[in-house]
Amino acid sequence: MEMAEAFHLKIVSVAELIKYRLQRESLIERGEMVHLPTEYGNFIMIPFLQKSNGLEHVALMKGEWKEEEPILVRVHSSCVTGDIFGSLRCECGEQLHKALQLIEKEG
């Protein structure tokens, strides 16, 4: 502390540094939106890059909405066996397809 005072240096805590960075830096990077035609209708796909670990995430959007308007949302974790291969050991793919059908229906 004496050295900081002598050289007019500021002292901050790790918590303050984390708070500062979270307020000013983005943890994700948004990619380019693309149109995604599916058997359930047309969606907009937006990729996101998680900067901390390089993982990619995708958001699908359908239609326009107002801030106060309730919307259907599905949070889906990737499941290769259920989503791609249609495994009968899980319902992941089935749940995703049902959600896309409902979102298409609601617009």
PDB file of N, CA and C in Angstrom:
ATOM      1  N   MET A   1       0.823  -1.191   0.000  1.00  0.00           N
ATOM      2  CA  MET A   1       0.000   0.000   0.000  1.00  0.00           C
ATOM      3  C   MET A   1       0.870   1.259   0.000  1.00  0.00           C
ATOM      4  N   GLU A   2       1.964   1.201   0.736  1.00  0.00           N
ATOM      5  CA  GLU A   2       2.835   2.374   0.802  1.00  0.00           C
ATOM      6  C   GLU A   2       3.414   2.696  -0.569  1.00  0.00           C
ATOM      7  N   MET A   3       3.810   1.652  -1.303  1.00  0.00           N
ATOM      8  CA  MET A   3       4.376   1.858  -2.634  1.00  0.00           C
ATOM      9  C   MET A   3       3.323   2.466  -3.566  1.00  0.00           C
ATOM     10  N   ALA A   4       2.095   1.970  -3.479  1.00  0.00           N
ATOM     11  CA  ALA A   4       1.017   2.495  -4.312  1.00  0.00           C
ATOM     12  C   ALA A   4       0.791   3.975  -4.012  1.00  0.00           C
ATOM     13  N   GLU A   5       0.813   4.319  -2.747  1.00  0.00           N
ATOM     14  CA  GLU A   5       0.634   5.723  -2.369  1.00  0.00           C
ATOM     15  C   GLU A   5       1.810   6.571  -2.842  1.00  0.00           C
ATOM     16  N   ALA A   6       3.006   6.042  -2.694  1.00  0.00           N
ATOM     17  CA  ALA A   6       4.200   6.790  -3.075  1.00  0.00           C
ATOM     18  C   ALA A   6       4.226   7.092  -4.577  1.00  0.00           C
ATOM     19  N   PHE A   7       3.758   6.138  -5.382  1.00  0.00           N
ATOM     20  CA  PHE A   7       3.784   6.311  -6.837  1.00  0.00           C
ATOM     21  C   PHE A   7       2.409   6.657  -7.425  1.00  0.00           C
ATOM     22  N   HIS A   8       1.460   6.981  -6.550  1.00  0.00           N
ATOM     23  CA  HIS A   8       0.102   7.355  -6.970  1.00  0.00           C
ATOM     24  C   HIS A   8      -0.548   6.272  -7.837  1.00  0.00           C
ATOM     25  N   LEU A   9      -0.422   5.029  -7.387  1.00  0.00           N
ATOM     26  CA  LEU A   9      -1.020   3.892  -8.089  1.00  0.00           C
ATOM     27  C   LEU A   9      -2.342   3.515  -7.427  1.00  0.00           C
ATOM     28  N   LYS A  10      -3.285   3.120  -8.245  1.00  0.00           N
ATOM     29  CA  LYS A  10      -4.573   2.689  -7.709  1.00  0.00           C
ATOM     30  C   LYS A  10      -4.506   1.209  -7.353  1.00  0.00           C
ATOM     31  N   ILE A  11      -5.187   0.848  -6.294  1.00  0.00           N
ATOM     32  CA  ILE A  11      -5.293  -0.542  -5.853  1.00  0.00           C
ATOM     33  C   ILE A  11      -6.737  -0.978  -6.095  1.00  0.00           C
ATOM     34  N   VAL A  12      -6.891  -2.124  -6.745  1.00  0.00           N
ATOM     35  CA  VAL A  12      -8.233  -2.669  -6.967  1.00  0.00           C
ATOM     36  C   VAL A  12      -8.240  -4.133  -6.556  1.00  0.00           C
ATOM     37  N   SER A  13      -9.411  -4.598  -6.175  1.00  0.00           N
ATOM     38  CA  SER A  13      -9.550  -6.012  -5.813  1.00  0.00           C
ATOM     39  C   SER A  13      -9.842  -6.825  -7.069  1.00  0.00           C
ATOM     40  N   VAL A  14      -9.668  -8.115  -6.968  1.00  0.00           N
ATOM     41  CA  VAL A  14      -9.996  -9.005  -8.076  1.00  0.00           C
ATOM     42  C   VAL A  14     -11.485  -8.884  -8.403  1.00  0.00           C
ATOM     43  N   ALA A  15     -12.323  -8.796  -7.391  1.00  0.00           N
ATOM     44  CA  ALA A  15     -13.771  -8.657  -7.600  1.00  0.00           C
ATOM     45  C   ALA A  15     -14.084  -7.384  -8.382  1.00  0.00           C
ATOM     46  N   GLU A  16     -13.405  -6.283  -8.054  1.00  0.00           N
ATOM     47  CA  GLU A  16     -13.629  -5.028  -8.776  1.00  0.00           C
ATOM     48  C   GLU A  16     -13.174  -5.142 -10.231  1.00  0.00           C
ATOM     49  N   LEU A  17     -12.064  -5.829 -10.443  1.00  0.00           N
ATOM     50  CA  LEU A  17     -11.554  -6.030 -11.797  1.00  0.00           C
ATOM     51  C   LEU A  17     -12.524  -6.874 -12.622  1.00  0.00           C
ATOM     52  N   ILE A  18     -13.051  -7.935 -12.031  1.00  0.00           N
ATOM     53  CA  ILE A  18     -14.027  -8.788 -12.717  1.00  0.00           C
ATOM     54  C   ILE A  18     -15.274  -7.984 -13.065  1.00  0.00           C
ATOM     55  N   LYS A  19     -15.773  -7.224 -12.116  1.00  0.00           N
ATOM     56  CA  LYS A  19     -16.966  -6.399 -12.347  1.00  0.00           C
ATOM     57  C   LYS A  19     -16.725  -5.412 -13.484  1.00  0.00           C
ATOM     58  N   TYR A  20     -15.592  -4.759 -13.479  1.00  0.00           N
ATOM     59  CA  TYR A  20     -15.236  -3.786 -14.514  1.00  0.00           C
ATOM     60  C   TYR A  20     -15.208  -4.448 -15.889  1.00  0.00           C
ATOM     61  N   ARG A  21     -14.536  -5.590 -15.977  1.00  0.00           N
ATOM     62  CA  ARG A  21     -14.409  -6.272 -17.272  1.00  0.00           C
ATOM     63  C   ARG A  21     -15.753  -6.781 -17.774  1.00  0.00           C
ATOM     64  N   LEU A  22     -16.595  -7.296 -16.880  1.00  0.00           N
ATOM     65  CA  LEU A  22     -17.909  -7.787 -17.297  1.00  0.00           C
ATOM     66  C   LEU A  22     -18.798  -6.661 -17.814  1.00  0.00           C
ATOM     67  N   GLN A  23     -18.607  -5.455 -17.285  1.00  0.00           N
ATOM     68  CA  GLN A  23     -19.391  -4.305 -17.737  1.00  0.00           C
ATOM     69  C   GLN A  23     -18.918  -3.780 -19.088  1.00  0.00           C
ATOM     70  N   ARG A  24     -17.663  -4.003 -19.432  1.00  0.00           N
ATOM     71  CA  ARG A  24     -17.096  -3.375 -20.619  1.00  0.00           C
ATOM     72  C   ARG A  24     -16.673  -4.330 -21.727  1.00  0.00           C
ATOM     73  N   GLU A  25     -16.563  -5.605 -21.438  1.00  0.00           N
ATOM     74  CA  GLU A  25     -16.105  -6.566 -22.438  1.00  0.00           C
ATOM     75  C   GLU A  25     -17.176  -7.613 -22.701  1.00  0.00           C
ATOM     76  N   SER A  26     -17.254  -8.044 -23.922  1.00  0.00           N
ATOM     77  CA  SER A  26     -18.221  -9.074 -24.299  1.00  0.00           C
ATOM     78  C   SER A  26     -17.580 -10.452 -24.157  1.00  0.00           C
ATOM     79  N   LEU A  27     -18.354 -11.393 -23.639  1.00  0.00           N
ATOM     80  CA  LEU A  27     -17.863 -12.761 -23.486  1.00  0.00           C
ATOM     81  C   LEU A  27     -18.161 -13.598 -24.722  1.00  0.00           C
ATOM     82  N   ILE A  28     -18.987 -13.052 -25.609  1.00  0.00           N
ATOM     83  CA  ILE A  28     -19.340 -13.766 -26.830  1.00  0.00           C
ATOM     84  C   ILE A  28     -19.149 -12.858 -28.036  1.00  0.00           C
ATOM     85  N   GLU A  29     -19.012 -13.487 -29.190  1.00  0.00           N
ATOM     86  CA  GLU A  29     -18.901 -12.752 -30.444  1.00  0.00           C
ATOM     87  C   GLU A  29     -19.996 -13.256 -31.379  1.00  0.00           C
ATOM     88  N   ARG A  30     -20.812 -12.350 -31.851  1.00  0.00           N
ATOM     89  CA  ARG A  30     -21.928 -12.713 -32.725  1.00  0.00           C
ATOM     90  C   ARG A  30     -21.441 -12.861 -34.158  1.00  0.00           C
ATOM     91  N   GLY A  31     -21.860 -13.945 -34.809  1.00  0.00           N
ATOM     92  CA  GLY A  31     -21.511 -14.177 -36.200  1.00  0.00           C
ATOM     93  C   GLY A  31     -22.558 -13.613 -37.145  1.00  0.00           C
ATOM     94  N   GLU A  32     -22.429 -13.942 -38.391  1.00  0.00           N
ATOM     95  CA  GLU A  32     -23.319 -13.447 -39.442  1.00  0.00           C
ATOM     96  C   GLU A  32     -24.630 -14.226 -39.472  1.00  0.00           C
ATOM     97  N   MET A  33     -25.757 -13.511 -39.496  1.00  0.00           N
ATOM     98  CA  MET A  33     -27.076 -14.151 -39.599  1.00  0.00           C
ATOM     99  C   MET A  33     -27.240 -14.759 -40.986  1.00  0.00           C
ATOM    100  N   VAL A  34     -27.866 -15.932 -41.032  1.00  0.00           N
ATOM    101  CA  VAL A  34     -28.171 -16.566 -42.316  1.00  0.00           C
ATOM    102  C   VAL A  34     -29.604 -17.093 -42.287  1.00  0.00           C
ATOM    103  N   HIS A  35     -30.216 -17.183 -43.457  1.00  0.00           N
ATOM    104  CA  HIS A  35     -31.551 -17.770 -43.568  1.00  0.00           C
ATOM    105  C   HIS A  35     -31.402 -19.285 -43.568  1.00  0.00           C
ATOM    106  N   LEU A  36     -32.249 -19.949 -42.793  1.00  0.00           N
ATOM    107  CA  LEU A  36     -32.186 -21.403 -42.670  1.00  0.00           C
ATOM    108  C   LEU A  36     -33.554 -22.001 -42.992  1.00  0.00           C
ATOM    109  N   PRO A  37     -33.750 -22.459 -44.237  1.00  0.00           N
ATOM    110  CA  PRO A  37     -35.005 -23.130 -44.555  1.00  0.00           C
ATOM    111  C   PRO A  37     -34.979 -24.551 -43.978  1.00  0.00           C
ATOM    112  N   THR A  38     -36.050 -24.935 -43.288  1.00  0.00           N
ATOM    113  CA  THR A  38     -36.139 -26.279 -42.710  1.00  0.00           C
ATOM    114  C   THR A  38     -37.488 -26.885 -43.071  1.00  0.00           C
ATOM    115  N   GLU A  39     -37.668 -28.141 -42.753  1.00  0.00           N
ATOM    116  CA  GLU A  39     -38.970 -28.774 -42.984  1.00  0.00           C
ATOM    117  C   GLU A  39     -40.048 -28.163 -42.093  1.00  0.00           C
ATOM    118  N   TYR A  40     -39.639 -27.395 -41.089  1.00  0.00           N
ATOM    119  CA  TYR A  40     -40.583 -26.752 -40.174  1.00  0.00           C
ATOM    120  C   TYR A  40     -40.839 -25.299 -40.534  1.00  0.00           C
ATOM    121  N   GLY A  41     -40.224 -24.819 -41.584  1.00  0.00           N
ATOM    122  CA  GLY A  41     -40.390 -23.436 -42.002  1.00  0.00           C
ATOM    123  C   GLY A  41     -39.048 -22.731 -42.088  1.00  0.00           C
ATOM    124  N   ASN A  42     -39.102 -21.449 -42.351  1.00  0.00           N
ATOM    125  CA  ASN A  42     -37.886 -20.650 -42.492  1.00  0.00           C
ATOM    126  C   ASN A  42     -37.517 -20.002 -41.165  1.00  0.00           C
ATOM    127  N   PHE A  43     -36.264 -20.140 -40.802  1.00  0.00           N
ATOM    128  CA  PHE A  43     -35.736 -19.567 -39.569  1.00  0.00           C
ATOM    129  C   PHE A  43     -34.538 -18.696 -39.913  1.00  0.00           C
ATOM    130  N   ILE A  44     -34.155 -17.865 -38.978  1.00  0.00           N
ATOM    131  CA  ILE A  44     -32.898 -17.122 -39.052  1.00  0.00           C
ATOM    132  C   ILE A  44     -31.948 -17.800 -38.073  1.00  0.00           C
ATOM    133  N   MET A  45     -30.747 -18.115 -38.536  1.00  0.00           N
ATOM    134  CA  MET A  45     -29.751 -18.756 -37.673  1.00  0.00           C
ATOM    135  C   MET A  45     -28.641 -17.744 -37.380  1.00  0.00           C
ATOM    136  N   ILE A  46     -28.316 -17.607 -36.095  1.00  0.00           N
ATOM    137  CA  ILE A  46     -27.257 -16.689 -35.675  1.00  0.00           C
ATOM    138  C   ILE A  46     -26.226 -17.478 -34.871  1.00  0.00           C
ATOM    139  N   PRO A  47     -24.992 -17.559 -35.370  1.00  0.00           N
ATOM    140  CA  PRO A  47     -23.946 -18.244 -34.608  1.00  0.00           C
ATOM    141  C   PRO A  47     -23.308 -17.294 -33.589  1.00  0.00           C
ATOM    142  N   PHE A  48     -22.886 -17.862 -32.467  1.00  0.00           N
ATOM    143  CA  PHE A  48     -22.180 -17.108 -31.434  1.00  0.00           C
ATOM    144  C   PHE A  48     -20.928 -17.876 -31.040  1.00  0.00           C
ATOM    145  N   LEU A  49     -19.822 -17.168 -30.890  1.00  0.00           N
ATOM    146  CA  LEU A  49     -18.567 -17.761 -30.438  1.00  0.00           C
ATOM    147  C   LEU A  49     -18.348 -17.372 -28.982  1.00  0.00           C
ATOM    148  N   GLN A  50     -18.156 -18.358 -28.128  1.00  0.00           N
ATOM    149  CA  GLN A  50     -17.852 -18.109 -26.717  1.00  0.00           C
ATOM    150  C   GLN A  50     -16.349 -17.868 -26.623  1.00  0.00           C
ATOM    151  N   LYS A  51     -15.956 -16.631 -26.370  1.00  0.00           N
ATOM    152  CA  LYS A  51     -14.548 -16.240 -26.420  1.00  0.00           C
ATOM    153  C   LYS A  51     -13.671 -16.956 -25.399  1.00  0.00           C
ATOM    154  N   SER A  52     -14.229 -17.323 -24.269  1.00  0.00           N
ATOM    155  CA  SER A  52     -13.421 -17.920 -23.206  1.00  0.00           C
ATOM    156  C   SER A  52     -12.906 -19.312 -23.547  1.00  0.00           C
ATOM    157  N   ASN A  53     -13.628 -20.040 -24.423  1.00  0.00           N
ATOM    158  CA  ASN A  53     -13.203 -21.414 -24.710  1.00  0.00           C
ATOM    159  C   ASN A  53     -13.327 -21.814 -26.177  1.00  0.00           C
ATOM    160  N   GLY A  54     -13.780 -20.907 -27.030  1.00  0.00           N
ATOM    161  CA  GLY A  54     -13.876 -21.195 -28.453  1.00  0.00           C
ATOM    162  C   GLY A  54     -15.079 -22.032 -28.870  1.00  0.00           C
ATOM    163  N   LEU A  55     -15.979 -22.330 -27.932  1.00  0.00           N
ATOM    164  CA  LEU A  55     -17.162 -23.118 -28.279  1.00  0.00           C
ATOM    165  C   LEU A  55     -18.131 -22.280 -29.103  1.00  0.00           C
ATOM    166  N   GLU A  56     -18.800 -22.939 -30.042  1.00  0.00           N
ATOM    167  CA  GLU A  56     -19.785 -22.254 -30.867  1.00  0.00           C
ATOM    168  C   GLU A  56     -21.188 -22.629 -30.417  1.00  0.00           C
ATOM    169  N   HIS A  57     -22.082 -21.648 -30.428  1.00  0.00           N
ATOM    170  CA  HIS A  57     -23.480 -21.830 -30.065  1.00  0.00           C
ATOM    171  C   HIS A  57     -24.320 -21.238 -31.189  1.00  0.00           C
ATOM    172  N   VAL A  58     -25.555 -21.704 -31.309  1.00  0.00           N
ATOM    173  CA  VAL A  58     -26.428 -21.235 -32.383  1.00  0.00           C
ATOM    174  C   VAL A  58     -27.780 -20.844 -31.809  1.00  0.00           C
ATOM    175  N   ALA A  59     -28.311 -19.744 -32.295  1.00  0.00           N
ATOM    176  CA  ALA A  59     -29.675 -19.332 -31.952  1.00  0.00           C
ATOM    177  C   ALA A  59     -30.496 -19.349 -33.234  1.00  0.00           C
ATOM    178  N   LEU A  60     -31.696 -19.923 -33.150  1.00  0.00           N
ATOM    179  CA  LEU A  60     -32.637 -19.883 -34.267  1.00  0.00           C
ATOM    180  C   LEU A  60     -33.750 -18.915 -33.904  1.00  0.00           C
ATOM    181  N   MET A  61     -34.115 -18.054 -34.848  1.00  0.00           N
ATOM    182  CA  MET A  61     -35.191 -17.088 -34.617  1.00  0.00           C
ATOM    183  C   MET A  61     -36.276 -17.290 -35.659  1.00  0.00           C
ATOM    184  N   LYS A  62     -37.493 -17.021 -35.250  1.00  0.00           N
ATOM    185  CA  LYS A  62     -38.639 -17.121 -36.156  1.00  0.00           C
ATOM    186  C   LYS A  62     -39.491 -15.878 -35.985  1.00  0.00           C
ATOM    187  N   GLY A  63     -39.649 -15.093 -37.026  1.00  0.00           N
ATOM    188  CA  GLY A  63     -40.540 -13.944 -36.990  1.00  0.00           C
ATOM    189  C   GLY A  63     -40.007 -12.774 -36.185  1.00  0.00           C
ATOM    190  N   GLU A  64     -40.878 -11.801 -36.024  1.00  0.00           N
ATOM    191  CA  GLU A  64     -40.570 -10.591 -35.258  1.00  0.00           C
ATOM    192  C   GLU A  64     -41.407 -10.598 -33.989  1.00  0.00           C
ATOM    193  N   TRP A  65     -40.941  -9.939 -32.943  1.00  0.00           N
ATOM    194  CA  TRP A  65     -41.720  -9.852 -31.718  1.00  0.00           C
ATOM    195  C   TRP A  65     -41.414  -8.548 -31.001  1.00  0.00           C
ATOM    196  N   LYS A  66     -42.344  -8.186 -30.142  1.00  0.00           N
ATOM    197  CA  LYS A  66     -42.183  -6.980 -29.336  1.00  0.00           C
ATOM    198  C   LYS A  66     -41.644  -7.373 -27.971  1.00  0.00           C
ATOM    199  N   GLU A  67     -41.008  -6.424 -27.310  1.00  0.00           N
ATOM    200  CA  GLU A  67     -40.368  -6.689 -26.021  1.00  0.00           C
ATOM    201  C   GLU A  67     -41.332  -7.254 -24.986  1.00  0.00           C
ATOM    202  N   GLU A  68     -42.547  -6.745 -24.933  1.00  0.00           N
ATOM    203  CA  GLU A  68     -43.510  -7.193 -23.915  1.00  0.00           C
ATOM    204  C   GLU A  68     -44.258  -8.459 -24.332  1.00  0.00           C
ATOM    205  N   GLU A  69     -44.044  -8.923 -25.535  1.00  0.00           N
ATOM    206  CA  GLU A  69     -44.762 -10.079 -26.068  1.00  0.00           C
ATOM    207  C   GLU A  69     -44.113 -11.394 -25.612  1.00  0.00           C
ATOM    208  N   PRO A  70     -44.911 -12.345 -25.106  1.00  0.00           N
ATOM    209  CA  PRO A  70     -44.332 -13.640 -24.736  1.00  0.00           C
ATOM    210  C   PRO A  70     -43.952 -14.425 -25.996  1.00  0.00           C
ATOM    211  N   ILE A  71     -42.841 -15.136 -25.932  1.00  0.00           N
ATOM    212  CA  ILE A  71     -42.396 -15.929 -27.079  1.00  0.00           C
ATOM    213  C   ILE A  71     -42.024 -17.336 -26.627  1.00  0.00           C
ATOM    214  N   LEU A  72     -42.134 -18.268 -27.554  1.00  0.00           N
ATOM    215  CA  LEU A  72     -41.702 -19.636 -27.274  1.00  0.00           C
ATOM    216  C   LEU A  72     -40.187 -19.703 -27.366  1.00  0.00           C
ATOM    217  N   VAL A  73     -39.576 -20.423 -26.438  1.00  0.00           N
ATOM    218  CA  VAL A  73     -38.125 -20.572 -26.417  1.00  0.00           C
ATOM    219  C   VAL A  73     -37.791 -22.029 -26.162  1.00  0.00           C
ATOM    220  N   ARG A  74     -36.779 -22.522 -26.828  1.00  0.00           N
ATOM    221  CA  ARG A  74     -36.283 -23.875 -26.578  1.00  0.00           C
ATOM    222  C   ARG A  74     -34.781 -23.761 -26.382  1.00  0.00           C
ATOM    223  N   VAL A  75     -34.283 -24.238 -25.255  1.00  0.00           N
ATOM    224  CA  VAL A  75     -32.849 -24.330 -25.021  1.00  0.00           C
ATOM    225  C   VAL A  75     -32.501 -25.797 -25.207  1.00  0.00           C
ATOM    226  N   HIS A  76     -31.617 -26.063 -26.146  1.00  0.00           N
ATOM    227  CA  HIS A  76     -31.325 -27.445 -26.518  1.00  0.00           C
ATOM    228  C   HIS A  76     -29.832 -27.700 -26.417  1.00  0.00           C
ATOM    229  N   SER A  77     -29.465 -28.782 -25.773  1.00  0.00           N
ATOM    230  CA  SER A  77     -28.060 -29.175 -25.745  1.00  0.00           C
ATOM    231  C   SER A  77     -27.834 -30.198 -26.846  1.00  0.00           C
ATOM    232  N   SER A  78     -26.686 -30.135 -27.450  1.00  0.00           N
ATOM    233  CA  SER A  78     -26.367 -31.018 -28.561  1.00  0.00           C
ATOM    234  C   SER A  78     -26.356 -32.477 -28.122  1.00  0.00           C
ATOM    235  N   CYS A  79     -26.980 -33.315 -28.925  1.00  0.00           N
ATOM    236  CA  CYS A  79     -27.019 -34.752 -28.649  1.00  0.00           C
ATOM    237  C   CYS A  79     -26.868 -35.470 -29.983  1.00  0.00           C
ATOM    238  N   VAL A  80     -25.668 -35.885 -30.292  1.00  0.00           N
ATOM    239  CA  VAL A  80     -25.393 -36.497 -31.591  1.00  0.00           C
ATOM    240  C   VAL A  80     -26.266 -37.721 -31.829  1.00  0.00           C
ATOM    241  N   THR A  81     -26.376 -38.591 -30.843  1.00  0.00           N
ATOM    242  CA  THR A  81     -27.128 -39.832 -31.056  1.00  0.00           C
ATOM    243  C   THR A  81     -28.613 -39.576 -31.279  1.00  0.00           C
ATOM    244  N   GLY A  82     -29.193 -38.648 -30.531  1.00  0.00           N
ATOM    245  CA  GLY A  82     -30.616 -38.361 -30.677  1.00  0.00           C
ATOM    246  C   GLY A  82     -30.930 -37.429 -31.827  1.00  0.00           C
ATOM    247  N   ASP A  83     -30.136 -36.359 -31.984  1.00  0.00           N
ATOM    248  CA  ASP A  83     -30.405 -35.347 -33.003  1.00  0.00           C
ATOM    249  C   ASP A  83     -30.088 -35.835 -34.414  1.00  0.00           C
ATOM    250  N   ILE A  84     -28.970 -36.505 -34.566  1.00  0.00           N
ATOM    251  CA  ILE A  84     -28.518 -36.902 -35.897  1.00  0.00           C
ATOM    252  C   ILE A  84     -28.936 -38.322 -36.257  1.00  0.00           C
ATOM    253  N   PHE A  85     -28.749 -39.248 -35.315  1.00  0.00           N
ATOM    254  CA  PHE A  85     -28.991 -40.654 -35.631  1.00  0.00           C
ATOM    255  C   PHE A  85     -30.366 -41.158 -35.209  1.00  0.00           C
ATOM    256  N   GLY A  86     -31.143 -40.321 -34.529  1.00  0.00           N
ATOM    257  CA  GLY A  86     -32.492 -40.718 -34.126  1.00  0.00           C
ATOM    258  C   GLY A  86     -32.523 -41.865 -33.135  1.00  0.00           C
ATOM    259  N   SER A  87     -31.565 -41.907 -32.237  1.00  0.00           N
ATOM    260  CA  SER A  87     -31.487 -42.980 -31.244  1.00  0.00           C
ATOM    261  C   SER A  87     -32.787 -43.112 -30.459  1.00  0.00           C
ATOM    262  N   LEU A  88     -33.171 -44.343 -30.193  1.00  0.00           N
ATOM    263  CA  LEU A  88     -34.358 -44.609 -29.387  1.00  0.00           C
ATOM    264  C   LEU A  88     -34.037 -44.607 -27.895  1.00  0.00           C
ATOM    265  N   ARG A  89     -32.777 -44.394 -27.540  1.00  0.00           N
ATOM    266  CA  ARG A  89     -32.362 -44.353 -26.133  1.00  0.00           C
ATOM    267  C   ARG A  89     -32.589 -42.990 -25.496  1.00  0.00           C
ATOM    268  N   CYS A  90     -32.878 -41.994 -26.294  1.00  0.00           N
ATOM    269  CA  CYS A  90     -33.140 -40.663 -25.741  1.00  0.00           C
ATOM    270  C   CYS A  90     -34.219 -39.977 -26.571  1.00  0.00           C
ATOM    271  N   GLU A  91     -34.725 -38.881 -26.051  1.00  0.00           N
ATOM    272  CA  GLU A  91     -35.786 -38.132 -26.732  1.00  0.00           C
ATOM    273  C   GLU A  91     -35.306 -36.771 -27.225  1.00  0.00           C
ATOM    274  N   CYS A  92     -33.994 -36.580 -27.252  1.00  0.00           N
ATOM    275  CA  CYS A  92     -33.441 -35.265 -27.598  1.00  0.00           C
ATOM    276  C   CYS A  92     -33.901 -34.788 -28.967  1.00  0.00           C
ATOM    277  N   GLY A  93     -33.707 -35.612 -29.970  1.00  0.00           N
ATOM    278  CA  GLY A  93     -34.099 -35.230 -31.322  1.00  0.00           C
ATOM    279  C   GLY A  93     -35.587 -34.983 -31.428  1.00  0.00           C
ATOM    280  N   GLU A  94     -36.377 -35.862 -30.832  1.00  0.00           N
ATOM    281  CA  GLU A  94     -37.838 -35.729 -30.857  1.00  0.00           C
ATOM    282  C   GLU A  94     -38.281 -34.425 -30.192  1.00  0.00           C
ATOM    283  N   GLN A  95     -37.665 -34.090 -29.063  1.00  0.00           N
ATOM    284  CA  GLN A  95     -38.016 -32.852 -28.355  1.00  0.00           C
ATOM    285  C   GLN A  95     -37.667 -31.623 -29.192  1.00  0.00           C
ATOM    286  N   LEU A  96     -36.521 -31.663 -29.847  1.00  0.00           N
ATOM    287  CA  LEU A  96     -36.112 -30.549 -30.700  1.00  0.00           C
ATOM    288  C   LEU A  96     -37.090 -30.373 -31.862  1.00  0.00           C
ATOM    289  N   HIS A  97     -37.443 -31.463 -32.519  1.00  0.00           N
ATOM    290  CA  HIS A  97     -38.363 -31.391 -33.657  1.00  0.00           C
ATOM    291  C   HIS A  97     -39.741 -30.882 -33.231  1.00  0.00           C
ATOM    292  N   LYS A  98     -40.211 -31.329 -32.088  1.00  0.00           N
ATOM    293  CA  LYS A  98     -41.503 -30.870 -31.567  1.00  0.00           C
ATOM    294  C   LYS A  98     -41.456 -29.362 -31.280  1.00  0.00           C
ATOM    295  N   ALA A  99     -40.355 -28.909 -30.694  1.00  0.00           N
ATOM    296  CA  ALA A  99     -40.203 -27.477 -30.401  1.00  0.00           C
ATOM    297  C   ALA A  99     -40.205 -26.656 -31.686  1.00  0.00           C
ATOM    298  N   LEU A 100     -39.503 -27.120 -32.709  1.00  0.00           N
ATOM    299  CA  LEU A 100     -39.480 -26.400 -33.983  1.00  0.00           C
ATOM    300  C   LEU A 100     -40.872 -26.353 -34.617  1.00  0.00           C
ATOM    301  N   GLN A 101     -41.621 -27.438 -34.491  1.00  0.00           N
ATOM    302  CA  GLN A 101     -43.000 -27.458 -34.996  1.00  0.00           C
ATOM    303  C   GLN A 101     -43.858 -26.416 -34.273  1.00  0.00           C
ATOM    304  N   LEU A 102     -43.746 -26.372 -32.947  1.00  0.00           N
ATOM    305  CA  LEU A 102     -44.534 -25.417 -32.160  1.00  0.00           C
ATOM    306  C   LEU A 102     -44.149 -23.973 -32.472  1.00  0.00           C
ATOM    307  N   ILE A 103     -42.861 -23.724 -32.618  1.00  0.00           N
ATOM    308  CA  ILE A 103     -42.392 -22.370 -32.927  1.00  0.00           C
ATOM    309  C   ILE A 103     -42.880 -21.955 -34.311  1.00  0.00           C
ATOM    310  N   GLU A 104     -42.837 -22.869 -35.265  1.00  0.00           N
ATOM    311  CA  GLU A 104     -43.350 -22.571 -36.610  1.00  0.00           C
ATOM    312  C   GLU A 104     -44.844 -22.258 -36.555  1.00  0.00           C
ATOM    313  N   LYS A 105     -45.578 -23.028 -35.773  1.00  0.00           N
ATOM    314  CA  LYS A 105     -47.027 -22.833 -35.646  1.00  0.00           C
ATOM    315  C   LYS A 105     -47.357 -21.461 -35.045  1.00  0.00           C
ATOM    316  N   GLU A 106     -46.602 -21.065 -34.007  1.00  0.00           N
ATOM    317  CA  GLU A 106     -46.837 -19.782 -33.332  1.00  0.00           C
ATOM    318  C   GLU A 106     -46.313 -18.595 -34.135  1.00  0.00           C
ATOM    319  N   GLY A 107     -45.330 -18.866 -34.995  1.00  0.00           N
ATOM    320  CA  GLY A 107     -44.765 -17.788 -35.821  1.00  0.00           C
ATOM    321  C   GLY A 107     -43.789 -16.993 -35.057  1.00  0.00           C
TER     322      GLY A 107
END
